[in-house]
Amino acid sequence: MARVSFTSHLRKVAPTEAVHIAAGNLGNALEPVFARYPKLRGYVVDEQNRLRKHVVIFLNGERLAAADWPSHLVDEDDEIHVLQALSGG
């Protein structure tokens, strides 16, 4: 199963340890994680399932385009990192 890690800045609403998800497209594969951690969905995507502007997803070290992130295929041995950018001073 693919492995998903969430940045420490999302830990208040996300799993603290990496989780394993089924292969398939990334949008469908993350659904069980969003179902188990419902507040996480609102931090990662908006009402139209678009990535929020302060969130990036890396698949095997490559940044995914915000527009088509859900359609990317996930293989059993993939590493996914969901990061939330911080701003301010």
PDB file of N, CA and C in Angstrom:
ATOM      1  N   MET A   1       0.843  -1.189   0.000  1.00  0.00           N
ATOM      2  CA  MET A   1       0.000   0.000   0.000  1.00  0.00           C
ATOM      3  C   MET A   1       0.885   1.248   0.000  1.00  0.00           C
ATOM      4  N   ALA A   2       0.387   2.303  -0.627  1.00  0.00           N
ATOM      5  CA  ALA A   2       1.115   3.567  -0.674  1.00  0.00           C
ATOM      6  C   ALA A   2       1.129   4.191   0.722  1.00  0.00           C
ATOM      7  N   ARG A   3       2.135   4.991   0.978  1.00  0.00           N
ATOM      8  CA  ARG A   3       2.331   5.610   2.301  1.00  0.00           C
ATOM      9  C   ARG A   3       2.105   7.106   2.188  1.00  0.00           C
ATOM     10  N   VAL A   4       1.265   7.656   3.083  1.00  0.00           N
ATOM     11  CA  VAL A   4       0.965   9.091   3.103  1.00  0.00           C
ATOM     12  C   VAL A   4       1.403   9.671   4.438  1.00  0.00           C
ATOM     13  N   SER A   5       2.151  10.768   4.363  1.00  0.00           N
ATOM     14  CA  SER A   5       2.575  11.498   5.553  1.00  0.00           C
ATOM     15  C   SER A   5       2.033  12.914   5.472  1.00  0.00           C
ATOM     16  N   PHE A   6       1.678  13.447   6.624  1.00  0.00           N
ATOM     17  CA  PHE A   6       1.164  14.808   6.703  1.00  0.00           C
ATOM     18  C   PHE A   6       2.134  15.651   7.507  1.00  0.00           C
ATOM     19  N   THR A   7       2.344  16.890   7.066  1.00  0.00           N
ATOM     20  CA  THR A   7       3.245  17.796   7.760  1.00  0.00           C
ATOM     21  C   THR A   7       2.800  17.978   9.210  1.00  0.00           C
ATOM     22  N   SER A   8       3.747  18.287  10.046  1.00  0.00           N
ATOM     23  CA  SER A   8       3.437  18.452  11.474  1.00  0.00           C
ATOM     24  C   SER A   8       2.440  19.590  11.705  1.00  0.00           C
ATOM     25  N   HIS A   9       2.355  20.541  10.786  1.00  0.00           N
ATOM     26  CA  HIS A   9       1.412  21.643  10.940  1.00  0.00           C
ATOM     27  C   HIS A   9      -0.038  21.203  10.779  1.00  0.00           C
ATOM     28  N   LEU A  10      -0.259  20.012  10.236  1.00  0.00           N
ATOM     29  CA  LEU A  10      -1.614  19.470  10.097  1.00  0.00           C
ATOM     30  C   LEU A  10      -1.938  18.447  11.186  1.00  0.00           C
ATOM     31  N   ARG A  11      -1.022  18.203  12.085  1.00  0.00           N
ATOM     32  CA  ARG A  11      -1.201  17.123  13.052  1.00  0.00           C
ATOM     33  C   ARG A  11      -2.406  17.302  13.974  1.00  0.00           C
ATOM     34  N   LYS A  12      -2.878  18.534  14.149  1.00  0.00           N
ATOM     35  CA  LYS A  12      -4.049  18.710  15.014  1.00  0.00           C
ATOM     36  C   LYS A  12      -5.317  18.148  14.374  1.00  0.00           C
ATOM     37  N   VAL A  13      -5.281  17.936  13.048  1.00  0.00           N
ATOM     38  CA  VAL A  13      -6.456  17.407  12.347  1.00  0.00           C
ATOM     39  C   VAL A  13      -6.138  16.167  11.519  1.00  0.00           C
ATOM     40  N   ALA A  14      -4.872  15.769  11.496  1.00  0.00           N
ATOM     41  CA  ALA A  14      -4.427  14.658  10.645  1.00  0.00           C
ATOM     42  C   ALA A  14      -3.785  13.572  11.503  1.00  0.00           C
ATOM     43  N   PRO A  15      -3.583  12.389  10.926  1.00  0.00           N
ATOM     44  CA  PRO A  15      -2.888  11.335  11.652  1.00  0.00           C
ATOM     45  C   PRO A  15      -1.469  11.782  11.995  1.00  0.00           C
ATOM     46  N   THR A  16      -0.997  11.393  13.163  1.00  0.00           N
ATOM     47  CA  THR A  16       0.352  11.773  13.576  1.00  0.00           C
ATOM     48  C   THR A  16       1.412  10.887  12.940  1.00  0.00           C
ATOM     49  N   GLU A  17       1.044   9.716  12.543  1.00  0.00           N
ATOM     50  CA  GLU A  17       1.953   8.782  11.871  1.00  0.00           C
ATOM     51  C   GLU A  17       1.524   8.644  10.415  1.00  0.00           C
ATOM     52  N   ALA A  18       2.428   8.176   9.596  1.00  0.00           N
ATOM     53  CA  ALA A  18       2.087   7.905   8.197  1.00  0.00           C
ATOM     54  C   ALA A  18       0.974   6.864   8.137  1.00  0.00           C
ATOM     55  N   VAL A  19       0.122   6.996   7.135  1.00  0.00           N
ATOM     56  CA  VAL A  19      -0.951   6.023   6.930  1.00  0.00           C
ATOM     57  C   VAL A  19      -0.744   5.356   5.577  1.00  0.00           C
ATOM     58  N   HIS A  20      -1.297   4.183   5.445  1.00  0.00           N
ATOM     59  CA  HIS A  20      -1.192   3.446   4.186  1.00  0.00           C
ATOM     60  C   HIS A  20      -2.538   3.491   3.485  1.00  0.00           C
ATOM     61  N   ILE A  21      -2.480   3.781   2.179  1.00  0.00           N
ATOM     62  CA  ILE A  21      -3.706   3.874   1.400  1.00  0.00           C
ATOM     63  C   ILE A  21      -3.627   2.924   0.214  1.00  0.00           C
ATOM     64  N   ALA A  22      -4.791   2.573  -0.283  1.00  0.00           N
ATOM     65  CA  ALA A  22      -4.871   1.673  -1.434  1.00  0.00           C
ATOM     66  C   ALA A  22      -4.416   2.385  -2.697  1.00  0.00           C
ATOM     67  N   ALA A  23      -3.929   1.614  -3.627  1.00  0.00           N
ATOM     68  CA  ALA A  23      -3.549   2.157  -4.931  1.00  0.00           C
ATOM     69  C   ALA A  23      -4.810   2.591  -5.671  1.00  0.00           C
ATOM     70  N   GLY A  24      -4.626   3.381  -6.678  1.00  0.00           N
ATOM     71  CA  GLY A  24      -5.725   3.931  -7.465  1.00  0.00           C
ATOM     72  C   GLY A  24      -5.416   5.383  -7.708  1.00  0.00           C
ATOM     73  N   ASN A  25      -6.437   6.185  -7.997  1.00  0.00           N
ATOM     74  CA  ASN A  25      -6.128   7.607  -8.149  1.00  0.00           C
ATOM     75  C   ASN A  25      -6.087   8.252  -6.769  1.00  0.00           C
ATOM     76  N   LEU A  26      -5.297   9.297  -6.656  1.00  0.00           N
ATOM     77  CA  LEU A  26      -5.021   9.907  -5.353  1.00  0.00           C
ATOM     78  C   LEU A  26      -6.271  10.444  -4.688  1.00  0.00           C
ATOM     79  N   GLY A  27      -7.169  11.028  -5.466  1.00  0.00           N
ATOM     80  CA  GLY A  27      -8.403  11.549  -4.890  1.00  0.00           C
ATOM     81  C   GLY A  27      -9.208  10.482  -4.181  1.00  0.00           C
ATOM     82  N   ASN A  28      -9.410   9.351  -4.836  1.00  0.00           N
ATOM     83  CA  ASN A  28     -10.163   8.248  -4.221  1.00  0.00           C
ATOM     84  C   ASN A  28      -9.384   7.599  -3.092  1.00  0.00           C
ATOM     85  N   ALA A  29      -8.080   7.508  -3.246  1.00  0.00           N
ATOM     86  CA  ALA A  29      -7.260   6.853  -2.232  1.00  0.00           C
ATOM     87  C   ALA A  29      -7.243   7.631  -0.914  1.00  0.00           C
ATOM     88  N   LEU A  30      -7.373   8.956  -0.979  1.00  0.00           N
ATOM     89  CA  LEU A  30      -7.376   9.761   0.248  1.00  0.00           C
ATOM     90  C   LEU A  30      -8.743   9.807   0.927  1.00  0.00           C
ATOM     91  N   GLU A  31      -9.789   9.384   0.250  1.00  0.00           N
ATOM     92  CA  GLU A  31     -11.137   9.441   0.835  1.00  0.00           C
ATOM     93  C   GLU A  31     -11.241   8.747   2.195  1.00  0.00           C
ATOM     94  N   PRO A  32     -10.698   7.533   2.377  1.00  0.00           N
ATOM     95  CA  PRO A  32     -10.786   6.909   3.699  1.00  0.00           C
ATOM     96  C   PRO A  32     -10.067   7.711   4.790  1.00  0.00           C
ATOM     97  N   VAL A  33      -8.995   8.394   4.425  1.00  0.00           N
ATOM     98  CA  VAL A  33      -8.288   9.234   5.406  1.00  0.00           C
ATOM     99  C   VAL A  33      -9.163  10.424   5.773  1.00  0.00           C
ATOM    100  N   PHE A  34      -9.770  11.065   4.776  1.00  0.00           N
ATOM    101  CA  PHE A  34     -10.664  12.185   5.051  1.00  0.00           C
ATOM    102  C   PHE A  34     -11.879  11.730   5.859  1.00  0.00           C
ATOM    103  N   ALA A  35     -12.362  10.539   5.614  1.00  0.00           N
ATOM    104  CA  ALA A  35     -13.515  10.028   6.359  1.00  0.00           C
ATOM    105  C   ALA A  35     -13.148   9.801   7.834  1.00  0.00           C
ATOM    106  N   ARG A  36     -11.951   9.329   8.068  1.00  0.00           N
ATOM    107  CA  ARG A  36     -11.523   9.065   9.450  1.00  0.00           C
ATOM    108  C   ARG A  36     -11.127  10.345  10.179  1.00  0.00           C
ATOM    109  N   TYR A  37     -10.637  11.332   9.431  1.00  0.00           N
ATOM    110  CA  TYR A  37     -10.219  12.619   9.997  1.00  0.00           C
ATOM    111  C   TYR A  37     -10.969  13.730   9.255  1.00  0.00           C
ATOM    112  N   PRO A  38     -12.256  13.922   9.543  1.00  0.00           N
ATOM    113  CA  PRO A  38     -13.088  14.825   8.747  1.00  0.00           C
ATOM    114  C   PRO A  38     -12.605  16.276   8.718  1.00  0.00           C
ATOM    115  N   LYS A  39     -11.993  16.772   9.764  1.00  0.00           N
ATOM    116  CA  LYS A  39     -11.499  18.151   9.758  1.00  0.00           C
ATOM    117  C   LYS A  39     -10.338  18.322   8.786  1.00  0.00           C
ATOM    118  N   LEU A  40      -9.615  17.254   8.515  1.00  0.00           N
ATOM    119  CA  LEU A  40      -8.475  17.307   7.607  1.00  0.00           C
ATOM    120  C   LEU A  40      -8.896  17.747   6.207  1.00  0.00           C
ATOM    121  N   ARG A  41     -10.022  17.241   5.743  1.00  0.00           N
ATOM    122  CA  ARG A  41     -10.498  17.583   4.393  1.00  0.00           C
ATOM    123  C   ARG A  41     -10.547  19.100   4.207  1.00  0.00           C
ATOM    124  N   GLY A  42     -11.112  19.824   5.162  1.00  0.00           N
ATOM    125  CA  GLY A  42     -11.237  21.272   5.046  1.00  0.00           C
ATOM    126  C   GLY A  42      -9.913  22.009   5.032  1.00  0.00           C
ATOM    127  N   TYR A  43      -8.898  21.426   5.600  1.00  0.00           N
ATOM    128  CA  TYR A  43      -7.572  22.032   5.570  1.00  0.00           C
ATOM    129  C   TYR A  43      -6.862  21.764   4.245  1.00  0.00           C
ATOM    130  N   VAL A  44      -7.183  20.654   3.606  1.00  0.00           N
ATOM    131  CA  VAL A  44      -6.473  20.251   2.392  1.00  0.00           C
ATOM    132  C   VAL A  44      -7.191  20.723   1.132  1.00  0.00           C
ATOM    133  N   VAL A  45      -8.502  20.562   1.073  1.00  0.00           N
ATOM    134  CA  VAL A  45      -9.260  20.923  -0.129  1.00  0.00           C
ATOM    135  C   VAL A  45     -10.425  21.839   0.214  1.00  0.00           C
ATOM    136  N   ASP A  46     -10.895  22.571  -0.807  1.00  0.00           N
ATOM    137  CA  ASP A  46     -12.056  23.435  -0.616  1.00  0.00           C
ATOM    138  C   ASP A  46     -13.335  22.680  -0.987  1.00  0.00           C
ATOM    139  N   GLU A  47     -14.443  23.402  -1.069  1.00  0.00           N
ATOM    140  CA  GLU A  47     -15.743  22.784  -1.339  1.00  0.00           C
ATOM    141  C   GLU A  47     -15.842  22.172  -2.729  1.00  0.00           C
ATOM    142  N   GLN A  48     -14.988  22.599  -3.659  1.00  0.00           N
ATOM    143  CA  GLN A  48     -14.971  22.036  -5.010  1.00  0.00           C
ATOM    144  C   GLN A  48     -13.869  20.991  -5.177  1.00  0.00           C
ATOM    145  N   ASN A  49     -13.327  20.524  -4.076  1.00  0.00           N
ATOM    146  CA  ASN A  49     -12.279  19.502  -4.051  1.00  0.00           C
ATOM    147  C   ASN A  49     -10.969  19.975  -4.709  1.00  0.00           C
ATOM    148  N   ARG A  50     -10.759  21.281  -4.686  1.00  0.00           N
ATOM    149  CA  ARG A  50      -9.503  21.851  -5.182  1.00  0.00           C
ATOM    150  C   ARG A  50      -8.558  22.010  -4.005  1.00  0.00           C
ATOM    151  N   LEU A  51      -7.268  21.778  -4.261  1.00  0.00           N
ATOM    152  CA  LEU A  51      -6.284  21.996  -3.201  1.00  0.00           C
ATOM    153  C   LEU A  51      -6.341  23.440  -2.744  1.00  0.00           C
ATOM    154  N   ARG A  52      -6.282  23.630  -1.457  1.00  0.00           N
ATOM    155  CA  ARG A  52      -6.209  24.994  -0.943  1.00  0.00           C
ATOM    156  C   ARG A  52      -4.872  25.597  -1.349  1.00  0.00           C
ATOM    157  N   LYS A  53      -4.821  26.909  -1.493  1.00  0.00           N
ATOM    158  CA  LYS A  53      -3.629  27.551  -2.034  1.00  0.00           C
ATOM    159  C   LYS A  53      -2.414  27.395  -1.139  1.00  0.00           C
ATOM    160  N   HIS A  54      -2.588  27.078   0.116  1.00  0.00           N
ATOM    161  CA  HIS A  54      -1.464  26.917   1.034  1.00  0.00           C
ATOM    162  C   HIS A  54      -1.062  25.450   1.227  1.00  0.00           C
ATOM    163  N   VAL A  55      -1.601  24.548   0.409  1.00  0.00           N
ATOM    164  CA  VAL A  55      -1.307  23.116   0.522  1.00  0.00           C
ATOM    165  C   VAL A  55      -0.639  22.621  -0.755  1.00  0.00           C
ATOM    166  N   VAL A  56       0.368  21.779  -0.595  1.00  0.00           N
ATOM    167  CA  VAL A  56       1.008  21.122  -1.736  1.00  0.00           C
ATOM    168  C   VAL A  56       1.099  19.628  -1.442  1.00  0.00           C
ATOM    169  N   ILE A  57       1.043  18.843  -2.498  1.00  0.00           N
ATOM    170  CA  ILE A  57       1.174  17.391  -2.383  1.00  0.00           C
ATOM    171  C   ILE A  57       2.345  16.960  -3.251  1.00  0.00           C
ATOM    172  N   PHE A  58       3.212  16.149  -2.657  1.00  0.00           N
ATOM    173  CA  PHE A  58       4.330  15.571  -3.382  1.00  0.00           C
ATOM    174  C   PHE A  58       4.101  14.075  -3.530  1.00  0.00           C
ATOM    175  N   LEU A  59       4.297  13.581  -4.727  1.00  0.00           N
ATOM    176  CA  LEU A  59       4.200  12.154  -5.017  1.00  0.00           C
ATOM    177  C   LEU A  59       5.584  11.694  -5.450  1.00  0.00           C
ATOM    178  N   ASN A  60       6.203  10.872  -4.627  1.00  0.00           N
ATOM    179  CA  ASN A  60       7.570  10.391  -4.882  1.00  0.00           C
ATOM    180  C   ASN A  60       8.534  11.545  -5.150  1.00  0.00           C
ATOM    181  N   GLY A  61       8.401  12.600  -4.358  1.00  0.00           N
ATOM    182  CA  GLY A  61       9.313  13.731  -4.447  1.00  0.00           C
ATOM    183  C   GLY A  61       8.983  14.762  -5.501  1.00  0.00           C
ATOM    184  N   GLU A  62       7.933  14.555  -6.284  1.00  0.00           N
ATOM    185  CA  GLU A  62       7.550  15.517  -7.313  1.00  0.00           C
ATOM    186  C   GLU A  62       6.262  16.224  -6.914  1.00  0.00           C
ATOM    187  N   ARG A  63       6.313  17.543  -7.002  1.00  0.00           N
ATOM    188  CA  ARG A  63       5.138  18.334  -6.641  1.00  0.00           C
ATOM    189  C   ARG A  63       4.044  18.135  -7.684  1.00  0.00           C
ATOM    190  N   LEU A  64       2.844  17.854  -7.207  1.00  0.00           N
ATOM    191  CA  LEU A  64       1.705  17.676  -8.109  1.00  0.00           C
ATOM    192  C   LEU A  64       1.059  19.021  -8.397  1.00  0.00           C
ATOM    193  N   ALA A  65       0.570  19.174  -9.593  1.00  0.00           N
ATOM    194  CA  ALA A  65      -0.160  20.389  -9.959  1.00  0.00           C
ATOM    195  C   ALA A  65      -1.470  20.428  -9.182  1.00  0.00           C
ATOM    196  N   ALA A  66      -1.793  21.599  -8.684  1.00  0.00           N
ATOM    197  CA  ALA A  66      -3.002  21.749  -7.871  1.00  0.00           C
ATOM    198  C   ALA A  66      -4.261  21.395  -8.650  1.00  0.00           C
ATOM    199  N   ALA A  67      -4.264  21.664  -9.942  1.00  0.00           N
ATOM    200  CA  ALA A  67      -5.468  21.456 -10.751  1.00  0.00           C
ATOM    201  C   ALA A  67      -5.834  19.990 -10.941  1.00  0.00           C
ATOM    202  N   ASP A  68      -4.847  19.126 -11.064  1.00  0.00           N
ATOM    203  CA  ASP A  68      -5.180  17.732 -11.385  1.00  0.00           C
ATOM    204  C   ASP A  68      -4.677  16.719 -10.367  1.00  0.00           C
ATOM    205  N   TRP A  69      -4.467  17.149  -9.132  1.00  0.00           N
ATOM    206  CA  TRP A  69      -3.946  16.240  -8.112  1.00  0.00           C
ATOM    207  C   TRP A  69      -4.801  14.990  -7.909  1.00  0.00           C
ATOM    208  N   PRO A  70      -6.153  15.065  -7.946  1.00  0.00           N
ATOM    209  CA  PRO A  70      -6.927  13.860  -7.631  1.00  0.00           C
ATOM    210  C   PRO A  70      -6.776  12.742  -8.654  1.00  0.00           C
ATOM    211  N   SER A  71      -6.432  13.091  -9.889  1.00  0.00           N
ATOM    212  CA  SER A  71      -6.388  12.081 -10.944  1.00  0.00           C
ATOM    213  C   SER A  71      -5.056  11.329 -11.030  1.00  0.00           C
ATOM    214  N   HIS A  72      -4.052  11.756 -10.295  1.00  0.00           N
ATOM    215  CA  HIS A  72      -2.761  11.065 -10.341  1.00  0.00           C
ATOM    216  C   HIS A  72      -2.898   9.648  -9.799  1.00  0.00           C
ATOM    217  N   LEU A  73      -2.337   8.704 -10.527  1.00  0.00           N
ATOM    218  CA  LEU A  73      -2.392   7.316 -10.097  1.00  0.00           C
ATOM    219  C   LEU A  73      -1.365   7.053  -9.009  1.00  0.00           C
ATOM    220  N   VAL A  74      -1.773   6.254  -8.048  1.00  0.00           N
ATOM    221  CA  VAL A  74      -0.929   5.896  -6.919  1.00  0.00           C
ATOM    222  C   VAL A  74      -0.639   4.412  -7.004  1.00  0.00           C
ATOM    223  N   ASP A  75       0.649   4.066  -6.972  1.00  0.00           N
ATOM    224  CA  ASP A  75       1.061   2.665  -6.961  1.00  0.00           C
ATOM    225  C   ASP A  75       1.307   2.211  -5.532  1.00  0.00           C
ATOM    226  N   GLU A  76       1.394   0.914  -5.369  1.00  0.00           N
ATOM    227  CA  GLU A  76       1.553   0.312  -4.045  1.00  0.00           C
ATOM    228  C   GLU A  76       2.769   0.818  -3.270  1.00  0.00           C
ATOM    229  N   ASP A  77       3.848   1.145  -3.959  1.00  0.00           N
ATOM    230  CA  ASP A  77       5.074   1.536  -3.257  1.00  0.00           C
ATOM    231  C   ASP A  77       5.332   3.041  -3.287  1.00  0.00           C
ATOM    232  N   ASP A  78       4.318   3.849  -3.583  1.00  0.00           N
ATOM    233  CA  ASP A  78       4.490   5.297  -3.663  1.00  0.00           C
ATOM    234  C   ASP A  78       4.557   5.942  -2.281  1.00  0.00           C
ATOM    235  N   GLU A  79       5.250   7.083  -2.236  1.00  0.00           N
ATOM    236  CA  GLU A  79       5.349   7.924  -1.044  1.00  0.00           C
ATOM    237  C   GLU A  79       4.654   9.248  -1.357  1.00  0.00           C
ATOM    238  N   ILE A  80       3.704   9.616  -0.518  1.00  0.00           N
ATOM    239  CA  ILE A  80       2.948  10.850  -0.703  1.00  0.00           C
ATOM    240  C   ILE A  80       3.150  11.712   0.535  1.00  0.00           C
ATOM    241  N   HIS A  81       3.420  12.989   0.306  1.00  0.00           N
ATOM    242  CA  HIS A  81       3.572  13.938   1.409  1.00  0.00           C
ATOM    243  C   HIS A  81       2.614  15.092   1.179  1.00  0.00           C
ATOM    244  N   VAL A  82       1.800  15.393   2.197  1.00  0.00           N
ATOM    245  CA  VAL A  82       0.863  16.499   2.135  1.00  0.00           C
ATOM    246  C   VAL A  82       1.404  17.569   3.068  1.00  0.00           C
ATOM    247  N   LEU A  83       1.701  18.747   2.483  1.00  0.00           N
ATOM    248  CA  LEU A  83       2.342  19.821   3.239  1.00  0.00           C
ATOM    249  C   LEU A  83       1.471  21.063   3.252  1.00  0.00           C
ATOM    250  N   GLN A  84       1.481  21.741   4.379  1.00  0.00           N
ATOM    251  CA  GLN A  84       0.775  23.007   4.501  1.00  0.00           C
ATOM    252  C   GLN A  84       1.819  24.111   4.667  1.00  0.00           C
ATOM    253  N   ALA A  85       1.781  25.087   3.784  1.00  0.00           N
ATOM    254  CA  ALA A  85       2.725  26.199   3.858  1.00  0.00           C
ATOM    255  C   ALA A  85       2.327  27.114   5.013  1.00  0.00           C
ATOM    256  N   LEU A  86       3.310  27.762   5.601  1.00  0.00           N
ATOM    257  CA  LEU A  86       3.064  28.725   6.666  1.00  0.00           C
ATOM    258  C   LEU A  86       3.480  30.102   6.187  1.00  0.00           C
ATOM    259  N   SER A  87       2.797  31.095   6.690  1.00  0.00           N
ATOM    260  CA  SER A  87       3.164  32.463   6.354  1.00  0.00           C
ATOM    261  C   SER A  87       3.049  33.316   7.612  1.00  0.00           C
ATOM    262  N   GLY A  88       3.509  34.502   7.502  1.00  0.00           N
ATOM    263  CA  GLY A  88       3.450  35.401   8.636  1.00  0.00           C
ATOM    264  C   GLY A  88       4.824  35.752   9.134  1.00  0.00           C
ATOM    265  N   GLY A  89       4.890  36.451  10.198  1.00  0.00           N
ATOM    266  CA  GLY A  89       6.200  36.863  10.674  1.00  0.00           C
ATOM    267  C   GLY A  89       6.263  37.021  12.144  1.00  0.00           C
TER     268      GLY A  89
END
